[in-house]
mmCIF file of all heavy atoms, coordinates in Angstrom:
data_MODEL
# 
_entry.id   MODEL 
# 
loop_
_atom_site.group_PDB 
_atom_site.id 
_atom_site.type_symbol 
_atom_site.label_atom_id 
_atom_site.label_alt_id 
_atom_site.label_comp_id 
_atom_site.label_asym_id 
_atom_site.label_entity_id 
_atom_site.label_seq_id 
_atom_site.pdbx_PDB_ins_code 
_atom_site.Cartn_x 
_atom_site.Cartn_y 
_atom_site.Cartn_z 
_atom_site.occupancy 
_atom_site.B_iso_or_equiv 
_atom_site.pdbx_formal_charge 
_atom_site.auth_seq_id 
_atom_site.auth_comp_id 
_atom_site.auth_asym_id 
_atom_site.auth_atom_id 
_atom_site.pdbx_PDB_model_num 
ATOM 1   N N   . TYR A 1 1  ? 100.019 120.994 90.213  1.00 0.00 ? 1  TYR A N   1 
ATOM 2   C CA  . TYR A 1 1  ? 100.094 122.390 89.986  1.00 0.00 ? 1  TYR A CA  1 
ATOM 3   C C   . TYR A 1 1  ? 100.915 123.037 91.098  1.00 0.00 ? 1  TYR A C   1 
ATOM 4   O O   . TYR A 1 1  ? 101.025 122.402 92.137  1.00 0.00 ? 1  TYR A O   1 
ATOM 5   C CB  . TYR A 1 1  ? 98.717  123.063 89.892  1.00 0.00 ? 1  TYR A CB  1 
ATOM 6   C CG  . TYR A 1 1  ? 97.827  123.006 91.188  1.00 0.00 ? 1  TYR A CG  1 
ATOM 7   C CD1 . TYR A 1 1  ? 97.916  124.017 92.060  1.00 0.00 ? 1  TYR A CD1 1 
ATOM 8   C CD2 . TYR A 1 1  ? 97.021  121.992 91.262  1.00 0.00 ? 1  TYR A CD2 1 
ATOM 9   C CE1 . TYR A 1 1  ? 97.257  123.952 93.310  1.00 0.00 ? 1  TYR A CE1 1 
ATOM 10  C CE2 . TYR A 1 1  ? 96.258  121.888 92.508  1.00 0.00 ? 1  TYR A CE2 1 
ATOM 11  C CZ  . TYR A 1 1  ? 96.422  122.949 93.464  1.00 0.00 ? 1  TYR A CZ  1 
ATOM 12  O OH  . TYR A 1 1  ? 95.690  122.775 94.580  1.00 0.00 ? 1  TYR A OH  1 
ATOM 13  N N   . LYS A 1 2  ? 101.415 124.114 90.783  1.00 0.00 ? 2  LYS A N   1 
ATOM 14  C CA  . LYS A 1 2  ? 102.283 124.836 91.778  1.00 0.00 ? 2  LYS A CA  1 
ATOM 15  C C   . LYS A 1 2  ? 101.719 126.301 91.867  1.00 0.00 ? 2  LYS A C   1 
ATOM 16  O O   . LYS A 1 2  ? 101.531 126.954 90.845  1.00 0.00 ? 2  LYS A O   1 
ATOM 17  C CB  . LYS A 1 2  ? 103.711 124.830 91.508  1.00 0.00 ? 2  LYS A CB  1 
ATOM 18  C CG  . LYS A 1 2  ? 104.658 125.511 92.395  1.00 0.00 ? 2  LYS A CG  1 
ATOM 19  C CD  . LYS A 1 2  ? 106.117 125.539 92.018  1.00 0.00 ? 2  LYS A CD  1 
ATOM 20  C CE  . LYS A 1 2  ? 106.966 126.276 92.975  1.00 0.00 ? 2  LYS A CE  1 
ATOM 21  N NZ  . LYS A 1 2  ? 108.365 126.287 92.577  1.00 0.00 ? 2  LYS A NZ  1 
ATOM 22  N N   . ILE A 1 3  ? 101.518 126.736 93.066  1.00 0.00 ? 3  ILE A N   1 
ATOM 23  C CA  . ILE A 1 3  ? 101.070 128.171 93.252  1.00 0.00 ? 3  ILE A CA  1 
ATOM 24  C C   . ILE A 1 3  ? 102.197 128.977 93.612  1.00 0.00 ? 3  ILE A C   1 
ATOM 25  O O   . ILE A 1 3  ? 102.953 128.804 94.558  1.00 0.00 ? 3  ILE A O   1 
ATOM 26  C CB  . ILE A 1 3  ? 99.957  128.187 94.385  1.00 0.00 ? 3  ILE A CB  1 
ATOM 27  C CG1 . ILE A 1 3  ? 98.654  127.297 93.990  1.00 0.00 ? 3  ILE A CG1 1 
ATOM 28  C CG2 . ILE A 1 3  ? 99.523  129.600 94.606  1.00 0.00 ? 3  ILE A CG2 1 
ATOM 29  C CD1 . ILE A 1 3  ? 97.679  127.208 95.036  1.00 0.00 ? 3  ILE A CD1 1 
ATOM 30  N N   . ASN A 1 4  ? 102.462 130.079 92.913  1.00 0.00 ? 4  ASN A N   1 
ATOM 31  C CA  . ASN A 1 4  ? 103.434 130.981 93.142  1.00 0.00 ? 4  ASN A CA  1 
ATOM 32  C C   . ASN A 1 4  ? 102.820 132.284 93.711  1.00 0.00 ? 4  ASN A C   1 
ATOM 33  O O   . ASN A 1 4  ? 102.194 133.162 92.851  1.00 0.00 ? 4  ASN A O   1 
ATOM 34  C CB  . ASN A 1 4  ? 104.259 131.362 91.870  1.00 0.00 ? 4  ASN A CB  1 
ATOM 35  C CG  . ASN A 1 4  ? 104.877 130.063 91.364  1.00 0.00 ? 4  ASN A CG  1 
ATOM 36  O OD1 . ASN A 1 4  ? 105.464 129.295 92.133  1.00 0.00 ? 4  ASN A OD1 1 
ATOM 37  N ND2 . ASN A 1 4  ? 104.800 129.767 90.010  1.00 0.00 ? 4  ASN A ND2 1 
ATOM 38  N N   . LEU A 1 5  ? 102.857 132.569 94.982  1.00 0.00 ? 5  LEU A N   1 
ATOM 39  C CA  . LEU A 1 5  ? 102.193 133.744 95.601  1.00 0.00 ? 5  LEU A CA  1 
ATOM 40  C C   . LEU A 1 5  ? 103.031 134.968 95.219  1.00 0.00 ? 5  LEU A C   1 
ATOM 41  O O   . LEU A 1 5  ? 104.197 134.969 95.489  1.00 0.00 ? 5  LEU A O   1 
ATOM 42  C CB  . LEU A 1 5  ? 102.068 133.500 97.142  1.00 0.00 ? 5  LEU A CB  1 
ATOM 43  C CG  . LEU A 1 5  ? 101.170 132.420 97.575  1.00 0.00 ? 5  LEU A CG  1 
ATOM 44  C CD1 . LEU A 1 5  ? 101.206 132.305 99.112  1.00 0.00 ? 5  LEU A CD1 1 
ATOM 45  C CD2 . LEU A 1 5  ? 99.756  132.672 97.135  1.00 0.00 ? 5  LEU A CD2 1 
ATOM 46  N N   . LYS A 1 6  ? 102.320 135.955 94.718  1.00 0.00 ? 6  LYS A N   1 
ATOM 47  C CA  . LYS A 1 6  ? 102.984 137.192 94.414  1.00 0.00 ? 6  LYS A CA  1 
ATOM 48  C C   . LYS A 1 6  ? 102.765 138.321 95.446  1.00 0.00 ? 6  LYS A C   1 
ATOM 49  O O   . LYS A 1 6  ? 103.528 139.225 95.613  1.00 0.00 ? 6  LYS A O   1 
ATOM 50  C CB  . LYS A 1 6  ? 102.506 137.749 93.034  1.00 0.00 ? 6  LYS A CB  1 
ATOM 51  C CG  . LYS A 1 6  ? 102.876 136.757 91.818  1.00 0.00 ? 6  LYS A CG  1 
ATOM 52  C CD  . LYS A 1 6  ? 104.339 136.518 91.703  1.00 0.00 ? 6  LYS A CD  1 
ATOM 53  C CE  . LYS A 1 6  ? 104.585 135.571 90.516  1.00 0.00 ? 6  LYS A CE  1 
ATOM 54  N NZ  . LYS A 1 6  ? 106.067 135.384 90.349  1.00 0.00 ? 6  LYS A NZ  1 
ATOM 55  N N   . LYS A 1 7  ? 101.563 138.212 95.983  1.00 0.00 ? 7  LYS A N   1 
ATOM 56  C CA  . LYS A 1 7  ? 101.106 139.057 97.102  1.00 0.00 ? 7  LYS A CA  1 
ATOM 57  C C   . LYS A 1 7  ? 100.530 138.356 98.290  1.00 0.00 ? 7  LYS A C   1 
ATOM 58  O O   . LYS A 1 7  ? 99.559  137.546 98.087  1.00 0.00 ? 7  LYS A O   1 
ATOM 59  C CB  . LYS A 1 7  ? 99.974  140.275 96.531  1.00 0.00 ? 7  LYS A CB  1 
ATOM 60  C CG  . LYS A 1 7  ? 100.530 140.954 95.348  1.00 0.00 ? 7  LYS A CG  1 
ATOM 61  C CD  . LYS A 1 7  ? 101.356 142.182 95.673  1.00 0.00 ? 7  LYS A CD  1 
ATOM 62  C CE  . LYS A 1 7  ? 101.616 142.975 94.426  1.00 0.00 ? 7  LYS A CE  1 
ATOM 63  N NZ  . LYS A 1 7  ? 102.407 144.172 94.727  1.00 0.00 ? 7  LYS A NZ  1 
ATOM 64  N N   . ILE A 1 8  ? 101.068 138.647 99.396  1.00 0.00 ? 8  ILE A N   1 
ATOM 65  C CA  . ILE A 1 8  ? 100.572 137.896 100.648 1.00 0.00 ? 8  ILE A CA  1 
ATOM 66  C C   . ILE A 1 8  ? 100.922 138.763 101.884 1.00 0.00 ? 8  ILE A C   1 
ATOM 67  O O   . ILE A 1 8  ? 101.973 139.414 101.910 1.00 0.00 ? 8  ILE A O   1 
ATOM 68  C CB  . ILE A 1 8  ? 101.076 136.441 100.837 1.00 0.00 ? 8  ILE A CB  1 
ATOM 69  C CG1 . ILE A 1 8  ? 100.195 135.648 101.638 1.00 0.00 ? 8  ILE A CG1 1 
ATOM 70  C CG2 . ILE A 1 8  ? 102.542 136.459 101.213 1.00 0.00 ? 8  ILE A CG2 1 
ATOM 71  C CD1 . ILE A 1 8  ? 98.850  135.370 101.043 1.00 0.00 ? 8  ILE A CD1 1 
ATOM 72  N N   . ASN A 1 9  ? 99.942  138.786 102.845 1.00 0.00 ? 9  ASN A N   1 
ATOM 73  C CA  . ASN A 1 9  ? 100.075 139.536 104.108 1.00 0.00 ? 9  ASN A CA  1 
ATOM 74  C C   . ASN A 1 9  ? 100.327 141.017 103.762 1.00 0.00 ? 9  ASN A C   1 
ATOM 75  O O   . ASN A 1 9  ? 101.232 141.666 104.371 1.00 0.00 ? 9  ASN A O   1 
ATOM 76  C CB  . ASN A 1 9  ? 101.120 138.893 104.941 1.00 0.00 ? 9  ASN A CB  1 
ATOM 77  C CG  . ASN A 1 9  ? 100.756 137.563 105.389 1.00 0.00 ? 9  ASN A CG  1 
ATOM 78  O OD1 . ASN A 1 9  ? 99.542  137.193 105.573 1.00 0.00 ? 9  ASN A OD1 1 
ATOM 79  N ND2 . ASN A 1 9  ? 101.792 136.676 105.691 1.00 0.00 ? 9  ASN A ND2 1 
ATOM 80  N N   . GLN A 1 10 ? 99.582  141.473 102.817 1.00 0.00 ? 10 GLN A N   1 
ATOM 81  C CA  . GLN A 1 10 ? 99.822  142.969 102.478 1.00 0.00 ? 10 GLN A CA  1 
ATOM 82  C C   . GLN A 1 10 ? 98.568  143.397 101.755 1.00 0.00 ? 10 GLN A C   1 
ATOM 83  O O   . GLN A 1 10 ? 97.700  142.830 101.363 1.00 0.00 ? 10 GLN A O   1 
ATOM 84  C CB  . GLN A 1 10 ? 100.996 143.088 101.551 1.00 0.00 ? 10 GLN A CB  1 
ATOM 85  C CG  . GLN A 1 10 ? 100.820 142.494 100.212 1.00 0.00 ? 10 GLN A CG  1 
ATOM 86  C CD  . GLN A 1 10 ? 102.132 142.484 99.348  1.00 0.00 ? 10 GLN A CD  1 
ATOM 87  O OE1 . GLN A 1 10 ? 102.959 141.638 99.267  1.00 0.00 ? 10 GLN A OE1 1 
ATOM 88  N NE2 . GLN A 1 10 ? 102.402 143.778 98.821  1.00 0.00 ? 10 GLN A NE2 1 
ATOM 89  N N   . THR A 1 11 ? 98.527  144.756 101.751 1.00 0.00 ? 11 THR A N   1 
ATOM 90  C CA  . THR A 1 11 ? 97.345  145.540 101.094 1.00 0.00 ? 11 THR A CA  1 
ATOM 91  C C   . THR A 1 11 ? 97.695  145.434 99.520  1.00 0.00 ? 11 THR A C   1 
ATOM 92  O O   . THR A 1 11 ? 98.767  145.742 99.081  1.00 0.00 ? 11 THR A O   1 
ATOM 93  C CB  . THR A 1 11 ? 97.315  146.912 101.556 1.00 0.00 ? 11 THR A CB  1 
ATOM 94  O OG1 . THR A 1 11 ? 96.991  146.957 102.948 1.00 0.00 ? 11 THR A OG1 1 
ATOM 95  C CG2 . THR A 1 11 ? 96.117  147.665 100.870 1.00 0.00 ? 11 THR A CG2 1 
ATOM 96  N N   . VAL A 1 12 ? 96.602  145.200 98.877  1.00 0.00 ? 12 VAL A N   1 
ATOM 97  C CA  . VAL A 1 12 ? 96.765  145.195 97.252  1.00 0.00 ? 12 VAL A CA  1 
ATOM 98  C C   . VAL A 1 12 ? 95.666  146.066 96.697  1.00 0.00 ? 12 VAL A C   1 
ATOM 99  O O   . VAL A 1 12 ? 94.760  146.486 97.313  1.00 0.00 ? 12 VAL A O   1 
ATOM 100 C CB  . VAL A 1 12 ? 96.550  143.720 96.831  1.00 0.00 ? 12 VAL A CB  1 
ATOM 101 C CG1 . VAL A 1 12 ? 97.745  142.824 97.258  1.00 0.00 ? 12 VAL A CG1 1 
ATOM 102 C CG2 . VAL A 1 12 ? 95.182  143.150 97.100  1.00 0.00 ? 12 VAL A CG2 1 
ATOM 103 N N   . LYS A 1 13 ? 95.887  146.375 95.455  1.00 0.00 ? 13 LYS A N   1 
ATOM 104 C CA  . LYS A 1 13 ? 94.920  147.215 94.684  1.00 0.00 ? 13 LYS A CA  1 
ATOM 105 C C   . LYS A 1 13 ? 94.156  146.147 93.751  1.00 0.00 ? 13 LYS A C   1 
ATOM 106 O O   . LYS A 1 13 ? 94.687  145.135 93.290  1.00 0.00 ? 13 LYS A O   1 
ATOM 107 C CB  . LYS A 1 13 ? 95.530  148.243 93.873  1.00 0.00 ? 13 LYS A CB  1 
ATOM 108 C CG  . LYS A 1 13 ? 96.080  149.463 94.722  1.00 0.00 ? 13 LYS A CG  1 
ATOM 109 C CD  . LYS A 1 13 ? 94.963  150.220 95.321  1.00 0.00 ? 13 LYS A CD  1 
ATOM 110 C CE  . LYS A 1 13 ? 95.447  151.374 96.103  1.00 0.00 ? 13 LYS A CE  1 
ATOM 111 N NZ  . LYS A 1 13 ? 94.262  152.086 96.684  1.00 0.00 ? 13 LYS A NZ  1 
ATOM 112 N N   . GLN A 1 14 ? 92.931  146.507 93.432  1.00 0.00 ? 14 GLN A N   1 
ATOM 113 C CA  . GLN A 1 14 ? 92.158  145.812 92.413  1.00 0.00 ? 14 GLN A CA  1 
ATOM 114 C C   . GLN A 1 14 ? 92.880  145.626 91.243  1.00 0.00 ? 14 GLN A C   1 
ATOM 115 O O   . GLN A 1 14 ? 93.392  146.536 90.503  1.00 0.00 ? 14 GLN A O   1 
ATOM 116 C CB  . GLN A 1 14 ? 90.810  146.435 92.223  1.00 0.00 ? 14 GLN A CB  1 
ATOM 117 C CG  . GLN A 1 14 ? 89.838  145.762 91.559  1.00 0.00 ? 14 GLN A CG  1 
ATOM 118 C CD  . GLN A 1 14 ? 88.481  146.335 91.537  1.00 0.00 ? 14 GLN A CD  1 
ATOM 119 O OE1 . GLN A 1 14 ? 88.363  147.431 90.990  1.00 0.00 ? 14 GLN A OE1 1 
ATOM 120 N NE2 . GLN A 1 14 ? 87.521  145.830 92.152  1.00 0.00 ? 14 GLN A NE2 1 
ATOM 121 N N   . GLY A 1 15 ? 93.098  144.262 90.621  1.00 0.00 ? 15 GLY A N   1 
ATOM 122 C CA  . GLY A 1 15 ? 93.778  144.095 89.446  1.00 0.00 ? 15 GLY A CA  1 
ATOM 123 C C   . GLY A 1 15 ? 95.190  143.730 89.664  1.00 0.00 ? 15 GLY A C   1 
ATOM 124 O O   . GLY A 1 15 ? 95.815  143.292 88.717  1.00 0.00 ? 15 GLY A O   1 
ATOM 125 N N   . ASP A 1 16 ? 95.751  143.776 90.907  1.00 0.00 ? 16 ASP A N   1 
ATOM 126 C CA  . ASP A 1 16 ? 97.079  143.409 91.176  1.00 0.00 ? 16 ASP A CA  1 
ATOM 127 C C   . ASP A 1 16 ? 97.209  141.853 91.033  1.00 0.00 ? 16 ASP A C   1 
ATOM 128 O O   . ASP A 1 16 ? 96.231  141.081 91.294  1.00 0.00 ? 16 ASP A O   1 
ATOM 129 C CB  . ASP A 1 16 ? 97.543  143.812 92.600  1.00 0.00 ? 16 ASP A CB  1 
ATOM 130 C CG  . ASP A 1 16 ? 97.855  145.194 92.761  1.00 0.00 ? 16 ASP A CG  1 
ATOM 131 O OD1 . ASP A 1 16 ? 97.982  145.908 91.717  1.00 0.00 ? 16 ASP A OD1 1 
ATOM 132 O OD2 . ASP A 1 16 ? 98.142  145.651 93.948  1.00 0.00 ? 16 ASP A OD2 1 
ATOM 133 N N   . LEU A 1 17 ? 98.337  141.353 90.596  1.00 0.00 ? 17 LEU A N   1 
ATOM 134 C CA  . LEU A 1 17 ? 98.676  139.959 90.479  1.00 0.00 ? 17 LEU A CA  1 
ATOM 135 C C   . LEU A 1 17 ? 98.750  139.360 91.778  1.00 0.00 ? 17 LEU A C   1 
ATOM 136 O O   . LEU A 1 17 ? 99.677  139.711 92.481  1.00 0.00 ? 17 LEU A O   1 
ATOM 137 C CB  . LEU A 1 17 ? 99.902  139.731 89.534  1.00 0.00 ? 17 LEU A CB  1 
ATOM 138 C CG  . LEU A 1 17 ? 100.270 138.272 89.410  1.00 0.00 ? 17 LEU A CG  1 
ATOM 139 C CD1 . LEU A 1 17 ? 99.217  137.432 88.800  1.00 0.00 ? 17 LEU A CD1 1 
ATOM 140 C CD2 . LEU A 1 17 ? 101.573 138.231 88.658  1.00 0.00 ? 17 LEU A CD2 1 
ATOM 141 N N   . LEU A 1 18 ? 97.822  138.476 92.203  1.00 0.00 ? 18 LEU A N   1 
ATOM 142 C CA  . LEU A 1 18 ? 97.825  137.742 93.529  1.00 0.00 ? 18 LEU A CA  1 
ATOM 143 C C   . LEU A 1 18 ? 98.742  136.647 93.457  1.00 0.00 ? 18 LEU A C   1 
ATOM 144 O O   . LEU A 1 18 ? 99.577  136.455 94.420  1.00 0.00 ? 18 LEU A O   1 
ATOM 145 C CB  . LEU A 1 18 ? 96.316  137.440 93.969  1.00 0.00 ? 18 LEU A CB  1 
ATOM 146 C CG  . LEU A 1 18 ? 95.451  138.479 94.325  1.00 0.00 ? 18 LEU A CG  1 
ATOM 147 C CD1 . LEU A 1 18 ? 94.125  137.879 94.882  1.00 0.00 ? 18 LEU A CD1 1 
ATOM 148 C CD2 . LEU A 1 18 ? 96.075  139.358 95.486  1.00 0.00 ? 18 LEU A CD2 1 
ATOM 149 N N   . PHE A 1 19 ? 98.455  135.672 92.520  1.00 0.00 ? 19 PHE A N   1 
ATOM 150 C CA  . PHE A 1 19 ? 99.221  134.533 92.475  1.00 0.00 ? 19 PHE A CA  1 
ATOM 151 C C   . PHE A 1 19 ? 99.282  134.046 91.031  1.00 0.00 ? 19 PHE A C   1 
ATOM 152 O O   . PHE A 1 19 ? 98.510  134.355 90.170  1.00 0.00 ? 19 PHE A O   1 
ATOM 153 C CB  . PHE A 1 19 ? 98.803  133.388 93.501  1.00 0.00 ? 19 PHE A CB  1 
ATOM 154 C CG  . PHE A 1 19 ? 97.345  133.022 93.354  1.00 0.00 ? 19 PHE A CG  1 
ATOM 155 C CD1 . PHE A 1 19 ? 96.932  131.979 92.551  1.00 0.00 ? 19 PHE A CD1 1 
ATOM 156 C CD2 . PHE A 1 19 ? 96.439  133.753 94.055  1.00 0.00 ? 19 PHE A CD2 1 
ATOM 157 C CE1 . PHE A 1 19 ? 95.581  131.634 92.402  1.00 0.00 ? 19 PHE A CE1 1 
ATOM 158 C CE2 . PHE A 1 19 ? 95.080  133.392 94.031  1.00 0.00 ? 19 PHE A CE2 1 
ATOM 159 C CZ  . PHE A 1 19 ? 94.670  132.331 93.249  1.00 0.00 ? 19 PHE A CZ  1 
ATOM 160 N N   . GLU A 1 20 ? 100.250 133.105 90.655  1.00 0.00 ? 20 GLU A N   1 
ATOM 161 C CA  . GLU A 1 20 ? 100.429 132.522 89.394  1.00 0.00 ? 20 GLU A CA  1 
ATOM 162 C C   . GLU A 1 20 ? 100.409 130.968 89.586  1.00 0.00 ? 20 GLU A C   1 
ATOM 163 O O   . GLU A 1 20 ? 100.914 130.471 90.567  1.00 0.00 ? 20 GLU A O   1 
ATOM 164 C CB  . GLU A 1 20 ? 101.916 132.983 88.953  1.00 0.00 ? 20 GLU A CB  1 
ATOM 165 C CG  . GLU A 1 20 ? 102.144 132.436 87.575  1.00 0.00 ? 20 GLU A CG  1 
ATOM 166 C CD  . GLU A 1 20 ? 103.597 132.818 87.183  1.00 0.00 ? 20 GLU A CD  1 
ATOM 167 O OE1 . GLU A 1 20 ? 104.613 132.210 87.808  1.00 0.00 ? 20 GLU A OE1 1 
ATOM 168 O OE2 . GLU A 1 20 ? 103.697 133.753 86.461  1.00 0.00 ? 20 GLU A OE2 1 
ATOM 169 N N   . ILE A 1 21 ? 99.644  130.314 88.769  1.00 0.00 ? 21 ILE A N   1 
ATOM 170 C CA  . ILE A 1 21 ? 99.524  128.873 88.719  1.00 0.00 ? 21 ILE A CA  1 
ATOM 171 C C   . ILE A 1 21 ? 100.115 128.212 87.700  1.00 0.00 ? 21 ILE A C   1 
ATOM 172 O O   . ILE A 1 21 ? 99.971  128.528 86.481  1.00 0.00 ? 21 ILE A O   1 
ATOM 173 C CB  . ILE A 1 21 ? 97.982  128.426 88.748  1.00 0.00 ? 21 ILE A CB  1 
ATOM 174 C CG1 . ILE A 1 21 ? 97.162  129.374 89.712  1.00 0.00 ? 21 ILE A CG1 1 
ATOM 175 C CG2 . ILE A 1 21 ? 97.763  127.008 89.111  1.00 0.00 ? 21 ILE A CG2 1 
ATOM 176 C CD1 . ILE A 1 21 ? 95.627  129.237 89.461  1.00 0.00 ? 21 ILE A CD1 1 
ATOM 177 N N   . ASP A 1 22 ? 101.047 127.296 88.092  1.00 0.00 ? 22 ASP A N   1 
ATOM 178 C CA  . ASP A 1 22 ? 101.903 126.615 87.030  1.00 0.00 ? 22 ASP A CA  1 
ATOM 179 C C   . ASP A 1 22 ? 101.362 125.242 86.938  1.00 0.00 ? 22 ASP A C   1 
ATOM 180 O O   . ASP A 1 22 ? 101.447 124.400 87.942  1.00 0.00 ? 22 ASP A O   1 
ATOM 181 C CB  . ASP A 1 22 ? 103.395 126.610 87.527  1.00 0.00 ? 22 ASP A CB  1 
ATOM 182 C CG  . ASP A 1 22 ? 104.318 126.133 86.356  1.00 0.00 ? 22 ASP A CG  1 
ATOM 183 O OD1 . ASP A 1 22 ? 103.746 125.769 85.328  1.00 0.00 ? 22 ASP A OD1 1 
ATOM 184 O OD2 . ASP A 1 22 ? 105.529 126.168 86.619  1.00 0.00 ? 22 ASP A OD2 1 
ATOM 185 N N   . PHE A 1 23 ? 100.771 124.790 85.852  1.00 0.00 ? 23 PHE A N   1 
ATOM 186 C CA  . PHE A 1 23 ? 100.116 123.555 85.666  1.00 0.00 ? 23 PHE A CA  1 
ATOM 187 C C   . PHE A 1 23 ? 100.912 122.509 84.893  1.00 0.00 ? 23 PHE A C   1 
ATOM 188 O O   . PHE A 1 23 ? 101.736 122.928 84.084  1.00 0.00 ? 23 PHE A O   1 
ATOM 189 C CB  . PHE A 1 23 ? 98.831  123.678 84.923  1.00 0.00 ? 23 PHE A CB  1 
ATOM 190 C CG  . PHE A 1 23 ? 97.745  124.434 85.651  1.00 0.00 ? 23 PHE A CG  1 
ATOM 191 C CD1 . PHE A 1 23 ? 97.452  125.723 85.446  1.00 0.00 ? 23 PHE A CD1 1 
ATOM 192 C CD2 . PHE A 1 23 ? 96.978  123.726 86.650  1.00 0.00 ? 23 PHE A CD2 1 
ATOM 193 C CE1 . PHE A 1 23 ? 96.432  126.350 86.135  1.00 0.00 ? 23 PHE A CE1 1 
ATOM 194 C CE2 . PHE A 1 23 ? 96.035  124.459 87.438  1.00 0.00 ? 23 PHE A CE2 1 
ATOM 195 C CZ  . PHE A 1 23 ? 95.722  125.696 87.128  1.00 0.00 ? 23 PHE A CZ  1 
ATOM 196 N N   . GLU A 1 24 ? 100.718 121.307 85.220  1.00 0.00 ? 24 GLU A N   1 
ATOM 197 C CA  . GLU A 1 24 ? 101.237 120.238 84.449  1.00 0.00 ? 24 GLU A CA  1 
ATOM 198 C C   . GLU A 1 24 ? 100.170 119.512 83.832  1.00 0.00 ? 24 GLU A C   1 
ATOM 199 O O   . GLU A 1 24 ? 99.294  119.005 84.694  1.00 0.00 ? 24 GLU A O   1 
ATOM 200 C CB  . GLU A 1 24 ? 102.217 119.296 85.297  1.00 0.00 ? 24 GLU A CB  1 
ATOM 201 C CG  . GLU A 1 24 ? 102.683 118.061 84.580  1.00 0.00 ? 24 GLU A CG  1 
ATOM 202 C CD  . GLU A 1 24 ? 103.551 117.083 85.516  1.00 0.00 ? 24 GLU A CD  1 
ATOM 203 O OE1 . GLU A 1 24 ? 104.030 117.591 86.480  1.00 0.00 ? 24 GLU A OE1 1 
ATOM 204 O OE2 . GLU A 1 24 ? 103.535 115.970 85.293  1.00 0.00 ? 24 GLU A OE2 1 
# 
């Protein structure tokens, strides 16, 4: 699997996309 971080080292709101997981 590969983790694609969408939000890091920043303030986020509830429900924001944090990361995406790409599976094989």
